[in-house]
Amino acid sequence: QVRLVESGGGLVQAGGSLRLSCAPSGRTISNYAMGWFRQAPGKEREFVATINWSGVSTYYADSMKGRFAISRDNAKNTVYLQMNNLKPDDTAVYYCAVSFSGVWPPSAYDYWGQGTQVTVSS
């Protein structure tokens, strides 16, 4: 069992930045791929970015490329999502997830956090 805890969400004006963090309790995630997803009100959850266990490989949804950056610090057992030039359409609950499959890029994720709200005002 892994409990993932996201933090760093909040209210920001359009054009601003936020950095989300995701850390587990109960188990290390340093050996596994991690992902970020988001779900806006009335919409399905969508993929944002994923990072492999070492941090060398990353993959982004096309709409996030150039504005969002996923990274990890395995010494701190934490994954980050740096979000720049935020837009009102980025308003959503952001979730992190861990994949134990060993497949890159992951096709499925095994545990999810509770999410952190990001609200971008115009």
PDB file of N, CA and C in Angstrom:
ATOM      1  N   GLN A   1       0.848  -1.185   0.000  1.00  0.00           N
ATOM      2  CA  GLN A   1       0.000   0.000   0.000  1.00  0.00           C
ATOM      3  C   GLN A   1       0.885   1.236   0.000  1.00  0.00           C
ATOM      4  N   VAL A   2       0.555   2.178  -0.862  1.00  0.00           N
ATOM      5  CA  VAL A   2       1.286   3.440  -0.950  1.00  0.00           C
ATOM      6  C   VAL A   2       0.296   4.577  -0.840  1.00  0.00           C
ATOM      7  N   ARG A   3       0.598   5.520   0.012  1.00  0.00           N
ATOM      8  CA  ARG A   3      -0.213   6.728   0.104  1.00  0.00           C
ATOM      9  C   ARG A   3       0.606   7.879  -0.453  1.00  0.00           C
ATOM     10  N   LEU A   4       0.104   8.489  -1.510  1.00  0.00           N
ATOM     11  CA  LEU A   4       0.776   9.622  -2.148  1.00  0.00           C
ATOM     12  C   LEU A   4       0.103  10.908  -1.706  1.00  0.00           C
ATOM     13  N   VAL A   5       0.909  11.892  -1.383  1.00  0.00           N
ATOM     14  CA  VAL A   5       0.377  13.163  -0.896  1.00  0.00           C
ATOM     15  C   VAL A   5       0.903  14.286  -1.782  1.00  0.00           C
ATOM     16  N   GLU A   6      -0.017  14.979  -2.433  1.00  0.00           N
ATOM     17  CA  GLU A   6       0.342  16.127  -3.249  1.00  0.00           C
ATOM     18  C   GLU A   6       0.253  17.410  -2.421  1.00  0.00           C
ATOM     19  N   SER A   7       1.064  18.370  -2.787  1.00  0.00           N
ATOM     20  CA  SER A   7       1.018  19.681  -2.143  1.00  0.00           C
ATOM     21  C   SER A   7       1.480  20.730  -3.137  1.00  0.00           C
ATOM     22  N   GLY A   8       1.235  21.984  -2.788  1.00  0.00           N
ATOM     23  CA  GLY A   8       1.720  23.080  -3.616  1.00  0.00           C
ATOM     24  C   GLY A   8       0.667  23.750  -4.474  1.00  0.00           C
ATOM     25  N   GLY A   9      -0.537  23.226  -4.461  1.00  0.00           N
ATOM     26  CA  GLY A   9      -1.600  23.858  -5.224  1.00  0.00           C
ATOM     27  C   GLY A   9      -2.033  25.174  -4.595  1.00  0.00           C
ATOM     28  N   GLY A  10      -2.881  25.877  -5.313  1.00  0.00           N
ATOM     29  CA  GLY A  10      -3.367  27.145  -4.789  1.00  0.00           C
ATOM     30  C   GLY A  10      -3.973  27.996  -5.870  1.00  0.00           C
ATOM     31  N   LEU A  11      -4.165  29.262  -5.527  1.00  0.00           N
ATOM     32  CA  LEU A  11      -4.738  30.234  -6.451  1.00  0.00           C
ATOM     33  C   LEU A  11      -3.610  31.101  -7.008  1.00  0.00           C
ATOM     34  N   VAL A  12      -3.578  31.232  -8.326  1.00  0.00           N
ATOM     35  CA  VAL A  12      -2.541  32.020  -8.972  1.00  0.00           C
ATOM     36  C   VAL A  12      -3.154  32.781 -10.141  1.00  0.00           C
ATOM     37  N   GLN A  13      -2.609  33.919 -10.456  1.00  0.00           N
ATOM     38  CA  GLN A  13      -3.088  34.676 -11.600  1.00  0.00           C
ATOM     39  C   GLN A  13      -2.528  34.095 -12.896  1.00  0.00           C
ATOM     40  N   ALA A  14      -3.238  34.313 -13.969  1.00  0.00           N
ATOM     41  CA  ALA A  14      -2.768  33.866 -15.281  1.00  0.00           C
ATOM     42  C   ALA A  14      -1.369  34.424 -15.540  1.00  0.00           C
ATOM     43  N   GLY A  15      -0.517  33.585 -16.075  1.00  0.00           N
ATOM     44  CA  GLY A  15       0.864  33.952 -16.309  1.00  0.00           C
ATOM     45  C   GLY A  15       1.797  33.595 -15.172  1.00  0.00           C
ATOM     46  N   GLY A  16       1.222  33.227 -14.037  1.00  0.00           N
ATOM     47  CA  GLY A  16       2.028  32.889 -12.878  1.00  0.00           C
ATOM     48  C   GLY A  16       2.528  31.452 -12.913  1.00  0.00           C
ATOM     49  N   SER A  17       3.203  31.081 -11.827  1.00  0.00           N
ATOM     50  CA  SER A  17       3.810  29.756 -11.728  1.00  0.00           C
ATOM     51  C   SER A  17       3.462  29.098 -10.403  1.00  0.00           C
ATOM     52  N   LEU A  18       3.475  27.788 -10.424  1.00  0.00           N
ATOM     53  CA  LEU A  18       3.334  26.986  -9.217  1.00  0.00           C
ATOM     54  C   LEU A  18       4.216  25.757  -9.356  1.00  0.00           C
ATOM     55  N   ARG A  19       4.672  25.246  -8.221  1.00  0.00           N
ATOM     56  CA  ARG A  19       5.379  23.980  -8.224  1.00  0.00           C
ATOM     57  C   ARG A  19       4.659  23.017  -7.303  1.00  0.00           C
ATOM     58  N   LEU A  20       4.201  21.942  -7.879  1.00  0.00           N
ATOM     59  CA  LEU A  20       3.536  20.898  -7.111  1.00  0.00           C
ATOM     60  C   LEU A  20       4.558  19.853  -6.665  1.00  0.00           C
ATOM     61  N   SER A  21       4.295  19.276  -5.525  1.00  0.00           N
ATOM     62  CA  SER A  21       5.147  18.212  -4.998  1.00  0.00           C
ATOM     63  C   SER A  21       4.298  16.990  -4.712  1.00  0.00           C
ATOM     64  N   CYS A  22       4.932  15.838  -4.784  1.00  0.00           N
ATOM     65  CA  CYS A  22       4.249  14.572  -4.485  1.00  0.00           C
ATOM     66  C   CYS A  22       5.227  13.701  -3.723  1.00  0.00           C
ATOM     67  N   ALA A  23       4.830  13.300  -2.547  1.00  0.00           N
ATOM     68  CA  ALA A  23       5.686  12.451  -1.724  1.00  0.00           C
ATOM     69  C   ALA A  23       4.847  11.309  -1.159  1.00  0.00           C
ATOM     70  N   PRO A  24       5.429  10.148  -1.033  1.00  0.00           N
ATOM     71  CA  PRO A  24       4.680   9.019  -0.505  1.00  0.00           C
ATOM     72  C   PRO A  24       4.885   8.848   0.995  1.00  0.00           C
ATOM     73  N   SER A  25       3.984   8.121   1.584  1.00  0.00           N
ATOM     74  CA  SER A  25       4.216   7.654   2.944  1.00  0.00           C
ATOM     75  C   SER A  25       4.145   6.135   2.908  1.00  0.00           C
ATOM     76  N   GLY A  26       5.020   5.511   3.599  1.00  0.00           N
ATOM     77  CA  GLY A  26       4.949   4.070   3.719  1.00  0.00           C
ATOM     78  C   GLY A  26       5.813   3.299   2.761  1.00  0.00           C
ATOM     79  N   ARG A  27       6.330   3.958   1.717  1.00  0.00           N
ATOM     80  CA  ARG A  27       7.120   3.205   0.747  1.00  0.00           C
ATOM     81  C   ARG A  27       7.917   4.162  -0.115  1.00  0.00           C
ATOM     82  N   THR A  28       9.091   3.742  -0.529  1.00  0.00           N
ATOM     83  CA  THR A  28       9.863   4.577  -1.428  1.00  0.00           C
ATOM     84  C   THR A  28       9.311   4.483  -2.844  1.00  0.00           C
ATOM     85  N   ILE A  29       9.419   5.580  -3.563  1.00  0.00           N
ATOM     86  CA  ILE A  29       8.999   5.600  -4.959  1.00  0.00           C
ATOM     87  C   ILE A  29      10.182   5.819  -5.881  1.00  0.00           C
ATOM     88  N   SER A  30      11.383   5.792  -5.322  1.00  0.00           N
ATOM     89  CA  SER A  30      12.555   6.154  -6.106  1.00  0.00           C
ATOM     90  C   SER A  30      12.877   5.154  -7.214  1.00  0.00           C
ATOM     91  N   ASN A  31      12.311   3.970  -7.155  1.00  0.00           N
ATOM     92  CA  ASN A  31      12.593   2.956  -8.174  1.00  0.00           C
ATOM     93  C   ASN A  31      11.524   2.854  -9.251  1.00  0.00           C
ATOM     94  N   TYR A  32      10.564   3.769  -9.240  1.00  0.00           N
ATOM     95  CA  TYR A  32       9.388   3.618 -10.087  1.00  0.00           C
ATOM     96  C   TYR A  32       9.071   4.879 -10.873  1.00  0.00           C
ATOM     97  N   ALA A  33       8.430   4.659 -12.012  1.00  0.00           N
ATOM     98  CA  ALA A  33       7.938   5.786 -12.796  1.00  0.00           C
ATOM     99  C   ALA A  33       6.784   6.459 -12.065  1.00  0.00           C
ATOM    100  N   MET A  34       6.733   7.755 -12.234  1.00  0.00           N
ATOM    101  CA  MET A  34       5.682   8.564 -11.612  1.00  0.00           C
ATOM    102  C   MET A  34       5.004   9.399 -12.682  1.00  0.00           C
ATOM    103  N   GLY A  35       3.761   9.753 -12.418  1.00  0.00           N
ATOM    104  CA  GLY A  35       3.034  10.572 -13.371  1.00  0.00           C
ATOM    105  C   GLY A  35       2.212  11.638 -12.683  1.00  0.00           C
ATOM    106  N   TRP A  36       1.902  12.663 -13.442  1.00  0.00           N
ATOM    107  CA  TRP A  36       0.965  13.704 -13.016  1.00  0.00           C
ATOM    108  C   TRP A  36      -0.218  13.710 -13.982  1.00  0.00           C
ATOM    109  N   PHE A  37      -1.388  13.860 -13.422  1.00  0.00           N
ATOM    110  CA  PHE A  37      -2.635  13.942 -14.161  1.00  0.00           C
ATOM    111  C   PHE A  37      -3.429  15.114 -13.615  1.00  0.00           C
ATOM    112  N   ARG A  38      -4.457  15.498 -14.344  1.00  0.00           N
ATOM    113  CA  ARG A  38      -5.330  16.543 -13.830  1.00  0.00           C
ATOM    114  C   ARG A  38      -6.763  16.293 -14.281  1.00  0.00           C
ATOM    115  N   GLN A  39      -7.674  16.846 -13.503  1.00  0.00           N
ATOM    116  CA  GLN A  39      -9.093  16.733 -13.843  1.00  0.00           C
ATOM    117  C   GLN A  39      -9.764  18.060 -13.567  1.00  0.00           C
ATOM    118  N   ALA A  40     -10.277  18.643 -14.615  1.00  0.00           N
ATOM    119  CA  ALA A  40     -11.013  19.903 -14.505  1.00  0.00           C
ATOM    120  C   ALA A  40     -12.485  19.596 -14.263  1.00  0.00           C
ATOM    121  N   PRO A  41     -13.219  20.550 -13.699  1.00  0.00           N
ATOM    122  CA  PRO A  41     -14.652  20.335 -13.428  1.00  0.00           C
ATOM    123  C   PRO A  41     -15.401  19.945 -14.700  1.00  0.00           C
ATOM    124  N   GLY A  42     -16.150  18.873 -14.617  1.00  0.00           N
ATOM    125  CA  GLY A  42     -16.960  18.441 -15.744  1.00  0.00           C
ATOM    126  C   GLY A  42     -16.206  17.745 -16.849  1.00  0.00           C
ATOM    127  N   LYS A  43     -14.911  17.508 -16.646  1.00  0.00           N
ATOM    128  CA  LYS A  43     -14.091  16.874 -17.674  1.00  0.00           C
ATOM    129  C   LYS A  43     -13.472  15.591 -17.143  1.00  0.00           C
ATOM    130  N   GLU A  44     -13.016  14.761 -18.081  1.00  0.00           N
ATOM    131  CA  GLU A  44     -12.335  13.542 -17.692  1.00  0.00           C
ATOM    132  C   GLU A  44     -10.906  13.857 -17.243  1.00  0.00           C
ATOM    133  N   ARG A  45     -10.370  12.953 -16.461  1.00  0.00           N
ATOM    134  CA  ARG A  45      -8.985  13.090 -16.044  1.00  0.00           C
ATOM    135  C   ARG A  45      -8.074  12.971 -17.268  1.00  0.00           C
ATOM    136  N   GLU A  46      -7.058  13.821 -17.325  1.00  0.00           N
ATOM    137  CA  GLU A  46      -6.146  13.788 -18.454  1.00  0.00           C
ATOM    138  C   GLU A  46      -4.697  13.701 -17.983  1.00  0.00           C
ATOM    139  N   PHE A  47      -3.910  13.077 -18.820  1.00  0.00           N
ATOM    140  CA  PHE A  47      -2.489  12.905 -18.564  1.00  0.00           C
ATOM    141  C   PHE A  47      -1.762  14.238 -18.709  1.00  0.00           C
ATOM    142  N   VAL A  48      -0.806  14.484 -17.823  1.00  0.00           N
ATOM    143  CA  VAL A  48       0.001  15.701 -17.895  1.00  0.00           C
ATOM    144  C   VAL A  48       1.445  15.358 -18.251  1.00  0.00           C
ATOM    145  N   ALA A  49       2.068  14.520 -17.436  1.00  0.00           N
ATOM    146  CA  ALA A  49       3.486  14.200 -17.654  1.00  0.00           C
ATOM    147  C   ALA A  49       3.855  12.957 -16.872  1.00  0.00           C
ATOM    148  N   THR A  50       4.938  12.313 -17.296  1.00  0.00           N
ATOM    149  CA  THR A  50       5.449  11.169 -16.573  1.00  0.00           C
ATOM    150  C   THR A  50       6.969  11.201 -16.579  1.00  0.00           C
ATOM    151  N   ILE A  51       7.574  10.574 -15.593  1.00  0.00           N
ATOM    152  CA  ILE A  51       9.025  10.557 -15.459  1.00  0.00           C
ATOM    153  C   ILE A  51       9.454   9.165 -15.050  1.00  0.00           C
ATOM    154  N   ASN A  52      10.582   8.698 -15.615  1.00  0.00           N
ATOM    155  CA  ASN A  52      11.020   7.355 -15.255  1.00  0.00           C
ATOM    156  C   ASN A  52      11.714   7.365 -13.899  1.00  0.00           C
ATOM    157  N   TRP A  53      12.127   6.200 -13.436  1.00  0.00           N
ATOM    158  CA  TRP A  53      12.620   6.082 -12.072  1.00  0.00           C
ATOM    159  C   TRP A  53      13.855   6.949 -11.817  1.00  0.00           C
ATOM    160  N   SER A  54      14.709   7.105 -12.834  1.00  0.00           N
ATOM    161  CA  SER A  54      15.949   7.847 -12.615  1.00  0.00           C
ATOM    162  C   SER A  54      15.803   9.330 -12.888  1.00  0.00           C
ATOM    163  N   GLY A  55      14.739   9.703 -13.561  1.00  0.00           N
ATOM    164  CA  GLY A  55      14.569  11.105 -13.933  1.00  0.00           C
ATOM    165  C   GLY A  55      15.152  11.447 -15.293  1.00  0.00           C
ATOM    166  N   VAL A  56      15.788  10.490 -15.942  1.00  0.00           N
ATOM    167  CA  VAL A  56      16.429  10.754 -17.234  1.00  0.00           C
ATOM    168  C   VAL A  56      15.404  10.895 -18.346  1.00  0.00           C
ATOM    169  N   SER A  57      14.329  10.124 -18.263  1.00  0.00           N
ATOM    170  CA  SER A  57      13.321  10.136 -19.322  1.00  0.00           C
ATOM    171  C   SER A  57      12.034  10.763 -18.823  1.00  0.00           C
ATOM    172  N   THR A  58      11.478  11.625 -19.653  1.00  0.00           N
ATOM    173  CA  THR A  58      10.202  12.256 -19.353  1.00  0.00           C
ATOM    174  C   THR A  58       9.335  12.244 -20.599  1.00  0.00           C
ATOM    175  N   TYR A  59       8.054  12.417 -20.355  1.00  0.00           N
ATOM    176  CA  TYR A  59       7.095  12.425 -21.467  1.00  0.00           C
ATOM    177  C   TYR A  59       5.946  13.336 -21.065  1.00  0.00           C
ATOM    178  N   TYR A  60       5.499  14.188 -22.017  1.00  0.00           N
ATOM    179  CA  TYR A  60       4.479  15.177 -21.714  1.00  0.00           C
ATOM    180  C   TYR A  60       3.308  15.086 -22.688  1.00  0.00           C
ATOM    181  N   ALA A  61       2.159  15.488 -22.190  1.00  0.00           N
ATOM    182  CA  ALA A  61       1.053  15.737 -23.093  1.00  0.00           C
ATOM    183  C   ALA A  61       1.431  16.936 -23.965  1.00  0.00           C
ATOM    184  N   ASP A  62       1.012  16.905 -25.209  1.00  0.00           N
ATOM    185  CA  ASP A  62       1.422  17.950 -26.144  1.00  0.00           C
ATOM    186  C   ASP A  62       1.085  19.349 -25.638  1.00  0.00           C
ATOM    187  N   SER A  63      -0.065  19.498 -25.020  1.00  0.00           N
ATOM    188  CA  SER A  63      -0.504  20.828 -24.593  1.00  0.00           C
ATOM    189  C   SER A  63       0.302  21.356 -23.411  1.00  0.00           C
ATOM    190  N   MET A  64       1.063  20.495 -22.755  1.00  0.00           N
ATOM    191  CA  MET A  64       1.845  20.907 -21.589  1.00  0.00           C
ATOM    192  C   MET A  64       3.314  21.188 -21.939  1.00  0.00           C
ATOM    193  N   LYS A  65       3.737  20.730 -23.105  1.00  0.00           N
ATOM    194  CA  LYS A  65       5.143  20.885 -23.458  1.00  0.00           C
ATOM    195  C   LYS A  65       5.546  22.351 -23.476  1.00  0.00           C
ATOM    196  N   GLY A  66       6.693  22.630 -22.912  1.00  0.00           N
ATOM    197  CA  GLY A  66       7.216  23.984 -22.890  1.00  0.00           C
ATOM    198  C   GLY A  66       6.758  24.815 -21.708  1.00  0.00           C
ATOM    199  N   ARG A  67       5.661  24.453 -21.071  1.00  0.00           N
ATOM    200  CA  ARG A  67       5.183  25.209 -19.905  1.00  0.00           C
ATOM    201  C   ARG A  67       5.338  24.436 -18.607  1.00  0.00           C
ATOM    202  N   PHE A  68       5.215  23.125 -18.697  1.00  0.00           N
ATOM    203  CA  PHE A  68       5.288  22.271 -17.500  1.00  0.00           C
ATOM    204  C   PHE A  68       6.576  21.455 -17.540  1.00  0.00           C
ATOM    205  N   ALA A  69       7.126  21.185 -16.355  1.00  0.00           N
ATOM    206  CA  ALA A  69       8.324  20.363 -16.262  1.00  0.00           C
ATOM    207  C   ALA A  69       8.195  19.418 -15.080  1.00  0.00           C
ATOM    208  N   ILE A  70       8.338  18.139 -15.348  1.00  0.00           N
ATOM    209  CA  ILE A  70       8.311  17.139 -14.290  1.00  0.00           C
ATOM    210  C   ILE A  70       9.742  16.793 -13.907  1.00  0.00           C
ATOM    211  N   SER A  71       9.976  16.614 -12.628  1.00  0.00           N
ATOM    212  CA  SER A  71      11.309  16.259 -12.145  1.00  0.00           C
ATOM    213  C   SER A  71      11.158  15.447 -10.865  1.00  0.00           C
ATOM    214  N   ARG A  72      12.265  14.916 -10.419  1.00  0.00           N
ATOM    215  CA  ARG A  72      12.206  14.150  -9.168  1.00  0.00           C
ATOM    216  C   ARG A  72      13.530  14.265  -8.433  1.00  0.00           C
ATOM    217  N   ASP A  73      13.447  14.112  -7.120  1.00  0.00           N
ATOM    218  CA  ASP A  73      14.612  14.068  -6.255  1.00  0.00           C
ATOM    219  C   ASP A  73      14.490  12.774  -5.462  1.00  0.00           C
ATOM    220  N   ASN A  74      15.176  11.758  -5.908  1.00  0.00           N
ATOM    221  CA  ASN A  74      15.022  10.447  -5.262  1.00  0.00           C
ATOM    222  C   ASN A  74      15.601  10.446  -3.846  1.00  0.00           C
ATOM    223  N   ALA A  75      16.546  11.313  -3.580  1.00  0.00           N
ATOM    224  CA  ALA A  75      17.064  11.396  -2.211  1.00  0.00           C
ATOM    225  C   ALA A  75      15.980  11.884  -1.248  1.00  0.00           C
ATOM    226  N   LYS A  76      15.078  12.699  -1.773  1.00  0.00           N
ATOM    227  CA  LYS A  76      13.963  13.198  -0.962  1.00  0.00           C
ATOM    228  C   LYS A  76      12.676  12.410  -1.207  1.00  0.00           C
ATOM    229  N   ASN A  77      12.769  11.412  -2.100  1.00  0.00           N
ATOM    230  CA  ASN A  77      11.594  10.582  -2.390  1.00  0.00           C
ATOM    231  C   ASN A  77      10.402  11.438  -2.819  1.00  0.00           C
ATOM    232  N   THR A  78      10.676  12.411  -3.677  1.00  0.00           N
ATOM    233  CA  THR A  78       9.665  13.394  -4.055  1.00  0.00           C
ATOM    234  C   THR A  78       9.703  13.642  -5.561  1.00  0.00           C
ATOM    235  N   VAL A  79       8.520  13.837  -6.119  1.00  0.00           N
ATOM    236  CA  VAL A  79       8.372  14.192  -7.528  1.00  0.00           C
ATOM    237  C   VAL A  79       7.727  15.571  -7.599  1.00  0.00           C
ATOM    238  N   TYR A  80       8.135  16.337  -8.592  1.00  0.00           N
ATOM    239  CA  TYR A  80       7.666  17.710  -8.726  1.00  0.00           C
ATOM    240  C   TYR A  80       7.019  17.937 -10.093  1.00  0.00           C
ATOM    241  N   LEU A  81       6.156  18.938 -10.124  1.00  0.00           N
ATOM    242  CA  LEU A  81       5.631  19.438 -11.382  1.00  0.00           C
ATOM    243  C   LEU A  81       5.722  20.953 -11.340  1.00  0.00           C
ATOM    244  N   GLN A  82       6.657  21.493 -12.097  1.00  0.00           N
ATOM    245  CA  GLN A  82       6.791  22.941 -12.227  1.00  0.00           C
ATOM    246  C   GLN A  82       5.883  23.413 -13.340  1.00  0.00           C
ATOM    247  N   MET A  83       5.014  24.339 -13.021  1.00  0.00           N
ATOM    248  CA  MET A  83       4.045  24.842 -13.989  1.00  0.00           C
ATOM    249  C   MET A  83       4.256  26.335 -14.180  1.00  0.00           C
ATOM    250  N   ASN A  84       4.557  26.732 -15.389  1.00  0.00           N
ATOM    251  CA  ASN A  84       4.825  28.130 -15.709  1.00  0.00           C
ATOM    252  C   ASN A  84       3.799  28.661 -16.696  1.00  0.00           C
ATOM    253  N   ASN A  85       3.705  29.974 -16.743  1.00  0.00           N
ATOM    254  CA  ASN A  85       2.776  30.628 -17.676  1.00  0.00           C
ATOM    255  C   ASN A  85       1.389  29.980 -17.599  1.00  0.00           C
ATOM    256  N   LEU A  86       0.888  29.894 -16.406  1.00  0.00           N
ATOM    257  CA  LEU A  86      -0.392  29.218 -16.196  1.00  0.00           C
ATOM    258  C   LEU A  86      -1.537  29.982 -16.827  1.00  0.00           C
ATOM    259  N   LYS A  87      -2.514  29.213 -17.285  1.00  0.00           N
ATOM    260  CA  LYS A  87      -3.679  29.769 -17.952  1.00  0.00           C
ATOM    261  C   LYS A  87      -4.938  29.349 -17.198  1.00  0.00           C
ATOM    262  N   PRO A  88      -6.023  30.097 -17.352  1.00  0.00           N
ATOM    263  CA  PRO A  88      -7.263  29.683 -16.677  1.00  0.00           C
ATOM    264  C   PRO A  88      -7.675  28.252 -17.029  1.00  0.00           C
ATOM    265  N   ASP A  89      -7.367  27.795 -18.233  1.00  0.00           N
ATOM    266  CA  ASP A  89      -7.709  26.422 -18.624  1.00  0.00           C
ATOM    267  C   ASP A  89      -6.902  25.371 -17.868  1.00  0.00           C
ATOM    268  N   ASP A  90      -5.868  25.786 -17.164  1.00  0.00           N
ATOM    269  CA  ASP A  90      -5.093  24.851 -16.349  1.00  0.00           C
ATOM    270  C   ASP A  90      -5.750  24.588 -15.004  1.00  0.00           C
ATOM    271  N   THR A  91      -6.831  25.303 -14.711  1.00  0.00           N
ATOM    272  CA  THR A  91      -7.545  25.081 -13.458  1.00  0.00           C
ATOM    273  C   THR A  91      -8.059  23.657 -13.389  1.00  0.00           C
ATOM    274  N   ALA A  92      -7.668  22.955 -12.341  1.00  0.00           N
ATOM    275  CA  ALA A  92      -8.023  21.543 -12.197  1.00  0.00           C
ATOM    276  C   ALA A  92      -7.504  21.025 -10.860  1.00  0.00           C
ATOM    277  N   VAL A  93      -7.929  19.829 -10.527  1.00  0.00           N
ATOM    278  CA  VAL A  93      -7.288  19.091  -9.442  1.00  0.00           C
ATOM    279  C   VAL A  93      -6.166  18.269 -10.068  1.00  0.00           C
ATOM    280  N   TYR A  94      -4.988  18.400  -9.501  1.00  0.00           N
ATOM    281  CA  TYR A  94      -3.811  17.713 -10.031  1.00  0.00           C
ATOM    282  C   TYR A  94      -3.475  16.527  -9.132  1.00  0.00           C
ATOM    283  N   TYR A  95      -3.258  15.393  -9.774  1.00  0.00           N
ATOM    284  CA  TYR A  95      -2.996  14.147  -9.072  1.00  0.00           C
ATOM    285  C   TYR A  95      -1.632  13.592  -9.461  1.00  0.00           C
ATOM    286  N   CYS A  96      -0.939  13.011  -8.504  1.00  0.00           N
ATOM    287  CA  CYS A  96       0.241  12.234  -8.850  1.00  0.00           C
ATOM    288  C   CYS A  96      -0.090  10.751  -8.699  1.00  0.00           C
ATOM    289  N   ALA A  97       0.688   9.944  -9.400  1.00  0.00           N
ATOM    290  CA  ALA A  97       0.448   8.507  -9.386  1.00  0.00           C
ATOM    291  C   ALA A  97       1.765   7.773  -9.585  1.00  0.00           C
ATOM    292  N   VAL A  98       1.828   6.549  -9.109  1.00  0.00           N
ATOM    293  CA  VAL A  98       3.031   5.724  -9.230  1.00  0.00           C
ATOM    294  C   VAL A  98       2.698   4.456 -10.027  1.00  0.00           C
ATOM    295  N   SER A  99       3.654   4.075 -10.870  1.00  0.00           N
ATOM    296  CA  SER A  99       3.496   2.856 -11.654  1.00  0.00           C
ATOM    297  C   SER A  99       4.546   1.842 -11.235  1.00  0.00           C
ATOM    298  N   PHE A 100       4.119   0.669 -10.817  1.00  0.00           N
ATOM    299  CA  PHE A 100       5.027  -0.398 -10.413  1.00  0.00           C
ATOM    300  C   PHE A 100       5.319  -1.382 -11.545  1.00  0.00           C
ATOM    301  N   SER A 101       4.805  -1.095 -12.736  1.00  0.00           N
ATOM    302  CA  SER A 101       4.877  -2.082 -13.818  1.00  0.00           C
ATOM    303  C   SER A 101       6.279  -2.283 -14.373  1.00  0.00           C
ATOM    304  N   GLY A 102       7.119  -1.250 -14.294  1.00  0.00           N
ATOM    305  CA  GLY A 102       8.435  -1.331 -14.908  1.00  0.00           C
ATOM    306  C   GLY A 102       8.426  -1.048 -16.391  1.00  0.00           C
ATOM    307  N   VAL A 103       7.258  -0.818 -16.957  1.00  0.00           N
ATOM    308  CA  VAL A 103       7.136  -0.507 -18.379  1.00  0.00           C
ATOM    309  C   VAL A 103       7.327   0.994 -18.574  1.00  0.00           C
ATOM    310  N   TRP A 104       8.073   1.351 -19.638  1.00  0.00           N
ATOM    311  CA  TRP A 104       8.254   2.772 -19.956  1.00  0.00           C
ATOM    312  C   TRP A 104       7.821   3.047 -21.395  1.00  0.00           C
ATOM    313  N   PRO A 105       7.003   4.093 -21.585  1.00  0.00           N
ATOM    314  CA  PRO A 105       6.285   4.813 -20.532  1.00  0.00           C
ATOM    315  C   PRO A 105       5.167   3.960 -19.970  1.00  0.00           C
ATOM    316  N   PRO A 106       4.754   4.261 -18.766  1.00  0.00           N
ATOM    317  CA  PRO A 106       3.739   3.417 -18.133  1.00  0.00           C
ATOM    318  C   PRO A 106       2.420   3.427 -18.894  1.00  0.00           C
ATOM    319  N   SER A 107       1.765   2.289 -18.919  1.00  0.00           N
ATOM    320  CA  SER A 107       0.426   2.209 -19.510  1.00  0.00           C
ATOM    321  C   SER A 107      -0.641   2.218 -18.431  1.00  0.00           C
ATOM    322  N   ALA A 108      -0.218   2.061 -17.197  1.00  0.00           N
ATOM    323  CA  ALA A 108      -1.173   2.065 -16.091  1.00  0.00           C
ATOM    324  C   ALA A 108      -0.444   2.477 -14.823  1.00  0.00           C
ATOM    325  N   TYR A 109      -1.199   3.017 -13.908  1.00  0.00           N
ATOM    326  CA  TYR A 109      -0.659   3.465 -12.632  1.00  0.00           C
ATOM    327  C   TYR A 109      -1.377   2.737 -11.499  1.00  0.00           C
ATOM    328  N   ASP A 110      -0.629   2.476 -10.458  1.00  0.00           N
ATOM    329  CA  ASP A 110      -1.139   1.593  -9.413  1.00  0.00           C
ATOM    330  C   ASP A 110      -1.745   2.316  -8.208  1.00  0.00           C
ATOM    331  N   TYR A 111      -1.167   3.432  -7.844  1.00  0.00           N
ATOM    332  CA  TYR A 111      -1.672   4.198  -6.700  1.00  0.00           C
ATOM    333  C   TYR A 111      -1.721   5.672  -7.067  1.00  0.00           C
ATOM    334  N   TRP A 112      -2.724   6.326  -6.484  1.00  0.00           N
ATOM    335  CA  TRP A 112      -2.980   7.728  -6.781  1.00  0.00           C
ATOM    336  C   TRP A 112      -3.081   8.526  -5.485  1.00  0.00           C
ATOM    337  N   GLY A 113      -2.694   9.791  -5.578  1.00  0.00           N
ATOM    338  CA  GLY A 113      -2.904  10.678  -4.458  1.00  0.00           C
ATOM    339  C   GLY A 113      -4.320  11.227  -4.441  1.00  0.00           C
ATOM    340  N   GLN A 114      -4.584  12.049  -3.442  1.00  0.00           N
ATOM    341  CA  GLN A 114      -5.919  12.638  -3.290  1.00  0.00           C
ATOM    342  C   GLN A 114      -6.087  13.900  -4.126  1.00  0.00           C
ATOM    343  N   GLY A 115      -4.996  14.423  -4.605  1.00  0.00           N
ATOM    344  CA  GLY A 115      -5.065  15.592  -5.475  1.00  0.00           C
ATOM    345  C   GLY A 115      -4.857  16.904  -4.741  1.00  0.00           C
ATOM    346  N   THR A 116      -4.430  17.895  -5.510  1.00  0.00           N
ATOM    347  CA  THR A 116      -4.278  19.252  -4.997  1.00  0.00           C
ATOM    348  C   THR A 116      -4.907  20.211  -6.001  1.00  0.00           C
ATOM    349  N   GLN A 117      -5.661  21.162  -5.497  1.00  0.00           N
ATOM    350  CA  GLN A 117      -6.410  22.075  -6.375  1.00  0.00           C
ATOM    351  C   GLN A 117      -5.504  23.189  -6.881  1.00  0.00           C
ATOM    352  N   VAL A 118      -5.554  23.406  -8.176  1.00  0.00           N
ATOM    353  CA  VAL A 118      -4.887  24.544  -8.800  1.00  0.00           C
ATOM    354  C   VAL A 118      -5.955  25.388  -9.468  1.00  0.00           C
ATOM    355  N   THR A 119      -6.000  26.643  -9.103  1.00  0.00           N
ATOM    356  CA  THR A 119      -6.966  27.566  -9.685  1.00  0.00           C
ATOM    357  C   THR A 119      -6.213  28.745 -10.285  1.00  0.00           C
ATOM    358  N   VAL A 120      -6.454  28.989 -11.557  1.00  0.00           N
ATOM    359  CA  VAL A 120      -5.796  30.080 -12.258  1.00  0.00           C
ATOM    360  C   VAL A 120      -6.839  31.122 -12.617  1.00  0.00           C
ATOM    361  N   SER A 121      -6.668  32.312 -12.090  1.00  0.00           N
ATOM    362  CA  SER A 121      -7.612  33.388 -12.349  1.00  0.00           C
ATOM    363  C   SER A 121      -7.161  34.223 -13.542  1.00  0.00           C
ATOM    364  N   SER A 122      -8.137  34.740 -14.260  1.00  0.00           N
ATOM    365  CA  SER A 122      -7.807  35.533 -15.456  1.00  0.00           C
ATOM    366  C   SER A 122      -7.609  36.998 -15.113  1.00  0.00           C
TER     367      SER A 122
END
